Amino acid sequence: MNWVLLFTAGLLEVGWAIGLKYTEGFTRLWPTVWTVLSMVLSVGLLGIAMKSLPVGTAYAIWVGIGAIGTAVMGMVLFGEPANTIRLLSLLLIFIGIVGLKLSAS
């Protein structure tokens, strides 16, 4: 169950990172509300997951999910570059996440 919480926390991290773009410097009310809510839920779920998962593993996986998800969403929503080096770099982060998960089992 804690792995599900950690994965959900990572997805919420993507939500608040992308949400920051839509807040326009925290000047738009509803995007700001959703972004702050995503931040609180993301960190809260990370904290709960860390009750039974190794701190280094949990934090690295949380950040990795957030980094990959945010980069991909940036490409999809904002037309950020999706060149070969960028995609290979994201693949390396993914491989690292899988390796951390496998080593924690």
N, C-alpha and C. Protein backbone atom coordinates (compact mmCIF):
# COMPACT_ATOMS: atom_id res chain seq x y z
N MET A 1 0.82 -1.20 0.00
CA MET A 1 0.00 0.00 0.00
C MET A 1 0.86 1.27 0.00
N ASN A 2 2.00 1.22 0.70
CA ASN A 2 2.85 2.40 0.76
C ASN A 2 3.47 2.74 -0.60
N TRP A 3 3.68 1.71 -1.45
CA TRP A 3 4.18 1.99 -2.79
C TRP A 3 3.12 2.72 -3.60
N VAL A 4 1.85 2.38 -3.40
CA VAL A 4 0.76 3.07 -4.10
C VAL A 4 0.69 4.53 -3.63
N LEU A 5 0.83 4.72 -2.33
CA LEU A 5 0.83 6.08 -1.78
C LEU A 5 2.00 6.89 -2.34
N LEU A 6 3.15 6.26 -2.43
CA LEU A 6 4.34 6.94 -2.96
C LEU A 6 4.13 7.32 -4.42
N PHE A 7 3.59 6.40 -5.21
CA PHE A 7 3.33 6.68 -6.62
C PHE A 7 2.32 7.82 -6.75
N THR A 8 1.28 7.80 -5.95
CA THR A 8 0.28 8.86 -5.97
C THR A 8 0.90 10.20 -5.57
N ALA A 9 1.77 10.17 -4.57
CA ALA A 9 2.47 11.39 -4.16
C ALA A 9 3.31 11.94 -5.31
N GLY A 10 3.94 11.05 -6.07
CA GLY A 10 4.73 11.47 -7.22
C GLY A 10 3.87 12.11 -8.30
N LEU A 11 2.69 11.53 -8.53
CA LEU A 11 1.78 12.11 -9.52
C LEU A 11 1.29 13.48 -9.07
N LEU A 12 1.03 13.62 -7.78
CA LEU A 12 0.62 14.92 -7.26
C LEU A 12 1.75 15.94 -7.36
N GLU A 13 2.99 15.46 -7.27
CA GLU A 13 4.12 16.37 -7.46
C GLU A 13 4.11 16.92 -8.88
N VAL A 14 3.82 16.06 -9.84
CA VAL A 14 3.68 16.53 -11.22
C VAL A 14 2.58 17.59 -11.29
N GLY A 15 1.48 17.31 -10.62
CA GLY A 15 0.35 18.24 -10.62
C GLY A 15 0.72 19.61 -10.10
N TRP A 16 1.46 19.65 -8.99
CA TRP A 16 1.78 20.98 -8.47
C TRP A 16 2.89 21.66 -9.26
N ALA A 17 3.80 20.88 -9.82
CA ALA A 17 4.85 21.51 -10.63
C ALA A 17 4.26 22.14 -11.89
N ILE A 18 3.36 21.43 -12.55
CA ILE A 18 2.69 21.99 -13.72
C ILE A 18 1.74 23.11 -13.30
N GLY A 19 1.09 22.92 -12.16
CA GLY A 19 0.19 23.94 -11.65
C GLY A 19 0.87 25.28 -11.42
N LEU A 20 2.14 25.24 -11.03
CA LEU A 20 2.87 26.50 -10.82
C LEU A 20 2.85 27.38 -12.07
N LYS A 21 2.93 26.75 -13.22
CA LYS A 21 2.91 27.49 -14.48
C LYS A 21 1.57 28.23 -14.64
N TYR A 22 0.49 27.54 -14.26
CA TYR A 22 -0.84 28.12 -14.44
C TYR A 22 -1.19 29.16 -13.38
N THR A 23 -0.47 29.19 -12.26
CA THR A 23 -0.76 30.20 -11.23
C THR A 23 -0.32 31.60 -11.64
N GLU A 24 0.57 31.66 -12.63
CA GLU A 24 1.13 32.94 -13.09
C GLU A 24 1.66 33.75 -11.91
N GLY A 25 2.58 33.11 -11.17
CA GLY A 25 3.20 33.78 -10.03
C GLY A 25 2.24 33.91 -8.85
N PHE A 26 1.36 32.96 -8.69
CA PHE A 26 0.35 32.93 -7.63
C PHE A 26 -0.60 34.12 -7.70
N THR A 27 -0.88 34.58 -8.91
CA THR A 27 -1.81 35.70 -9.10
C THR A 27 -3.20 35.23 -9.53
N ARG A 28 -3.34 33.94 -9.86
CA ARG A 28 -4.64 33.41 -10.26
C ARG A 28 -5.15 32.50 -9.14
N LEU A 29 -6.33 32.80 -8.63
CA LEU A 29 -6.85 32.14 -7.43
C LEU A 29 -6.98 30.63 -7.56
N TRP A 30 -7.78 30.14 -8.50
CA TRP A 30 -8.07 28.70 -8.54
C TRP A 30 -6.87 27.84 -8.91
N PRO A 31 -6.05 28.25 -9.87
CA PRO A 31 -4.83 27.46 -10.10
C PRO A 31 -3.92 27.45 -8.87
N THR A 32 -3.89 28.55 -8.13
CA THR A 32 -3.08 28.60 -6.91
C THR A 32 -3.63 27.66 -5.85
N VAL A 33 -4.95 27.65 -5.68
CA VAL A 33 -5.59 26.76 -4.70
C VAL A 33 -5.27 25.31 -5.03
N TRP A 34 -5.46 24.91 -6.29
CA TRP A 34 -5.21 23.52 -6.69
C TRP A 34 -3.74 23.16 -6.57
N THR A 35 -2.86 24.11 -6.87
CA THR A 35 -1.43 23.85 -6.78
C THR A 35 -1.01 23.65 -5.33
N VAL A 36 -1.46 24.52 -4.45
CA VAL A 36 -1.11 24.39 -3.02
C VAL A 36 -1.70 23.10 -2.45
N LEU A 37 -2.92 22.77 -2.81
CA LEU A 37 -3.55 21.53 -2.35
C LEU A 37 -2.74 20.32 -2.83
N SER A 38 -2.30 20.34 -4.07
CA SER A 38 -1.47 19.25 -4.60
C SER A 38 -0.15 19.15 -3.84
N MET A 39 0.44 20.29 -3.51
CA MET A 39 1.69 20.29 -2.75
C MET A 39 1.51 19.62 -1.39
N VAL A 40 0.48 20.04 -0.68
CA VAL A 40 0.23 19.51 0.67
C VAL A 40 -0.06 18.01 0.60
N LEU A 41 -0.91 17.59 -0.32
CA LEU A 41 -1.23 16.17 -0.44
C LEU A 41 -0.02 15.34 -0.86
N SER A 42 0.78 15.88 -1.77
CA SER A 42 1.97 15.17 -2.24
C SER A 42 2.95 14.93 -1.10
N VAL A 43 3.27 15.96 -0.36
CA VAL A 43 4.22 15.82 0.75
C VAL A 43 3.61 14.97 1.86
N GLY A 44 2.31 15.12 2.10
CA GLY A 44 1.65 14.31 3.13
C GLY A 44 1.70 12.83 2.80
N LEU A 45 1.39 12.47 1.56
CA LEU A 45 1.44 11.06 1.17
C LEU A 45 2.87 10.53 1.18
N LEU A 46 3.83 11.37 0.79
CA LEU A 46 5.23 10.96 0.88
C LEU A 46 5.60 10.64 2.32
N GLY A 47 5.18 11.49 3.24
CA GLY A 47 5.47 11.26 4.65
C GLY A 47 4.86 9.96 5.17
N ILE A 48 3.64 9.68 4.77
CA ILE A 48 2.99 8.44 5.19
C ILE A 48 3.72 7.23 4.61
N ALA A 49 4.07 7.32 3.34
CA ALA A 49 4.78 6.20 2.69
C ALA A 49 6.13 5.95 3.36
N MET A 50 6.78 7.00 3.84
CA MET A 50 8.09 6.85 4.47
C MET A 50 8.03 6.17 5.83
N LYS A 51 6.84 5.96 6.35
CA LYS A 51 6.74 5.24 7.62
C LYS A 51 7.30 3.84 7.51
N SER A 52 7.18 3.24 6.32
CA SER A 52 7.67 1.87 6.17
C SER A 52 8.67 1.69 5.02
N LEU A 53 8.88 2.73 4.22
CA LEU A 53 9.84 2.63 3.13
C LEU A 53 11.12 3.36 3.52
N PRO A 54 12.26 2.92 3.00
CA PRO A 54 13.52 3.61 3.28
C PRO A 54 13.46 5.05 2.77
N VAL A 55 13.92 5.98 3.59
CA VAL A 55 13.80 7.40 3.27
C VAL A 55 14.50 7.75 1.94
N GLY A 56 15.68 7.26 1.73
CA GLY A 56 16.42 7.58 0.50
C GLY A 56 15.73 7.05 -0.73
N THR A 57 15.22 5.84 -0.63
CA THR A 57 14.51 5.23 -1.75
C THR A 57 13.22 5.96 -2.03
N ALA A 58 12.43 6.20 -0.99
CA ALA A 58 11.14 6.86 -1.17
C ALA A 58 11.31 8.26 -1.75
N TYR A 59 12.24 9.02 -1.21
CA TYR A 59 12.42 10.39 -1.68
C TYR A 59 12.91 10.41 -3.12
N ALA A 60 13.87 9.55 -3.45
CA ALA A 60 14.41 9.51 -4.81
C ALA A 60 13.34 9.10 -5.82
N ILE A 61 12.51 8.14 -5.46
CA ILE A 61 11.44 7.70 -6.36
C ILE A 61 10.41 8.81 -6.52
N TRP A 62 10.06 9.48 -5.43
CA TRP A 62 9.10 10.60 -5.48
C TRP A 62 9.60 11.69 -6.42
N VAL A 63 10.86 12.07 -6.24
CA VAL A 63 11.44 13.11 -7.10
C VAL A 63 11.53 12.63 -8.54
N GLY A 64 11.89 11.37 -8.74
CA GLY A 64 12.01 10.83 -10.09
C GLY A 64 10.69 10.82 -10.83
N ILE A 65 9.64 10.38 -10.15
CA ILE A 65 8.31 10.39 -10.77
C ILE A 65 7.93 11.82 -11.13
N GLY A 66 8.19 12.73 -10.19
CA GLY A 66 7.88 14.14 -10.44
C GLY A 66 8.67 14.72 -11.60
N ALA A 67 9.95 14.38 -11.66
CA ALA A 67 10.80 14.92 -12.73
C ALA A 67 10.37 14.39 -14.10
N ILE A 68 10.17 13.08 -14.18
CA ILE A 68 9.75 12.50 -15.46
C ILE A 68 8.38 13.02 -15.88
N GLY A 69 7.44 12.97 -14.96
CA GLY A 69 6.09 13.42 -15.27
C GLY A 69 6.02 14.88 -15.67
N THR A 70 6.77 15.72 -14.95
CA THR A 70 6.76 17.15 -15.25
C THR A 70 7.41 17.42 -16.60
N ALA A 71 8.50 16.74 -16.89
CA ALA A 71 9.16 16.92 -18.18
C ALA A 71 8.25 16.49 -19.33
N VAL A 72 7.59 15.34 -19.17
CA VAL A 72 6.69 14.85 -20.22
C VAL A 72 5.50 15.79 -20.39
N MET A 73 4.93 16.23 -19.29
CA MET A 73 3.79 17.15 -19.38
C MET A 73 4.21 18.50 -19.97
N GLY A 74 5.43 18.92 -19.69
CA GLY A 74 5.94 20.14 -20.31
C GLY A 74 6.02 20.01 -21.82
N MET A 75 6.41 18.83 -22.27
CA MET A 75 6.48 18.58 -23.71
C MET A 75 5.08 18.58 -24.32
N VAL A 76 4.14 17.94 -23.64
CA VAL A 76 2.77 17.80 -24.16
C VAL A 76 2.00 19.13 -24.09
N LEU A 77 2.07 19.79 -22.93
CA LEU A 77 1.24 20.98 -22.73
C LEU A 77 1.86 22.27 -23.23
N PHE A 78 3.18 22.37 -23.15
CA PHE A 78 3.83 23.65 -23.42
C PHE A 78 4.80 23.61 -24.60
N GLY A 79 4.82 22.50 -25.32
CA GLY A 79 5.65 22.41 -26.50
C GLY A 79 7.15 22.42 -26.22
N GLU A 80 7.54 21.99 -25.03
CA GLU A 80 8.96 21.93 -24.71
C GLU A 80 9.63 20.87 -25.59
N PRO A 81 10.93 21.00 -25.82
CA PRO A 81 11.61 20.08 -26.74
C PRO A 81 11.54 18.62 -26.29
N ALA A 82 11.40 17.73 -27.26
CA ALA A 82 11.37 16.29 -27.01
C ALA A 82 12.44 15.62 -27.86
N ASN A 83 13.67 16.14 -27.75
CA ASN A 83 14.74 15.59 -28.57
C ASN A 83 15.30 14.29 -27.97
N THR A 84 16.15 13.65 -28.72
CA THR A 84 16.67 12.34 -28.34
C THR A 84 17.40 12.37 -27.00
N ILE A 85 18.26 13.33 -26.80
CA ILE A 85 19.03 13.39 -25.55
C ILE A 85 18.10 13.58 -24.35
N ARG A 86 17.12 14.42 -24.51
CA ARG A 86 16.16 14.65 -23.42
C ARG A 86 15.39 13.37 -23.08
N LEU A 87 14.91 12.69 -24.12
CA LEU A 87 14.15 11.46 -23.89
C LEU A 87 15.03 10.35 -23.30
N LEU A 88 16.26 10.24 -23.76
CA LEU A 88 17.18 9.25 -23.19
C LEU A 88 17.49 9.57 -21.73
N SER A 89 17.63 10.83 -21.41
CA SER A 89 17.87 11.23 -20.03
C SER A 89 16.70 10.85 -19.13
N LEU A 90 15.48 11.05 -19.62
CA LEU A 90 14.30 10.64 -18.86
C LEU A 90 14.25 9.13 -18.70
N LEU A 91 14.67 8.41 -19.72
CA LEU A 91 14.73 6.95 -19.64
C LEU A 91 15.72 6.52 -18.55
N LEU A 92 16.83 7.19 -18.45
CA LEU A 92 17.82 6.87 -17.41
C LEU A 92 17.25 7.10 -16.01
N ILE A 93 16.49 8.19 -15.85
CA ILE A 93 15.84 8.42 -14.56
C ILE A 93 14.87 7.29 -14.26
N PHE A 94 14.09 6.88 -15.26
CA PHE A 94 13.13 5.78 -15.09
C PHE A 94 13.85 4.49 -14.68
N ILE A 95 14.95 4.20 -15.34
CA ILE A 95 15.73 3.00 -14.99
C ILE A 95 16.20 3.09 -13.55
N GLY A 96 16.62 4.26 -13.13
CA GLY A 96 17.03 4.45 -11.74
C GLY A 96 15.89 4.21 -10.76
N ILE A 97 14.70 4.68 -11.10
CA ILE A 97 13.53 4.47 -10.25
C ILE A 97 13.24 2.98 -10.12
N VAL A 98 13.24 2.27 -11.23
CA VAL A 98 12.98 0.83 -11.21
C VAL A 98 14.05 0.12 -10.37
N GLY A 99 15.31 0.51 -10.56
CA GLY A 99 16.38 -0.11 -9.77
C GLY A 99 16.21 0.13 -8.28
N LEU A 100 15.82 1.35 -7.89
CA LEU A 100 15.58 1.63 -6.46
C LEU A 100 14.43 0.81 -5.91
N LYS A 101 13.36 0.70 -6.71
CA LYS A 101 12.21 -0.10 -6.27
C LYS A 101 12.61 -1.56 -6.09
N LEU A 102 13.34 -2.10 -7.05
CA LEU A 102 13.75 -3.51 -6.97
C LEU A 102 14.69 -3.76 -5.81
N SER A 103 15.55 -2.80 -5.52
CA SER A 103 16.50 -2.99 -4.43
C SER A 103 15.86 -2.84 -3.06
N ALA A 104 14.69 -2.22 -3.01
CA ALA A 104 14.01 -2.03 -1.72
C ALA A 104 13.08 -3.18 -1.38
N SER A 105 12.83 -4.08 -2.34
CA SER A 105 11.88 -5.18 -2.11
C SER A 105 12.45 -6.24 -1.22
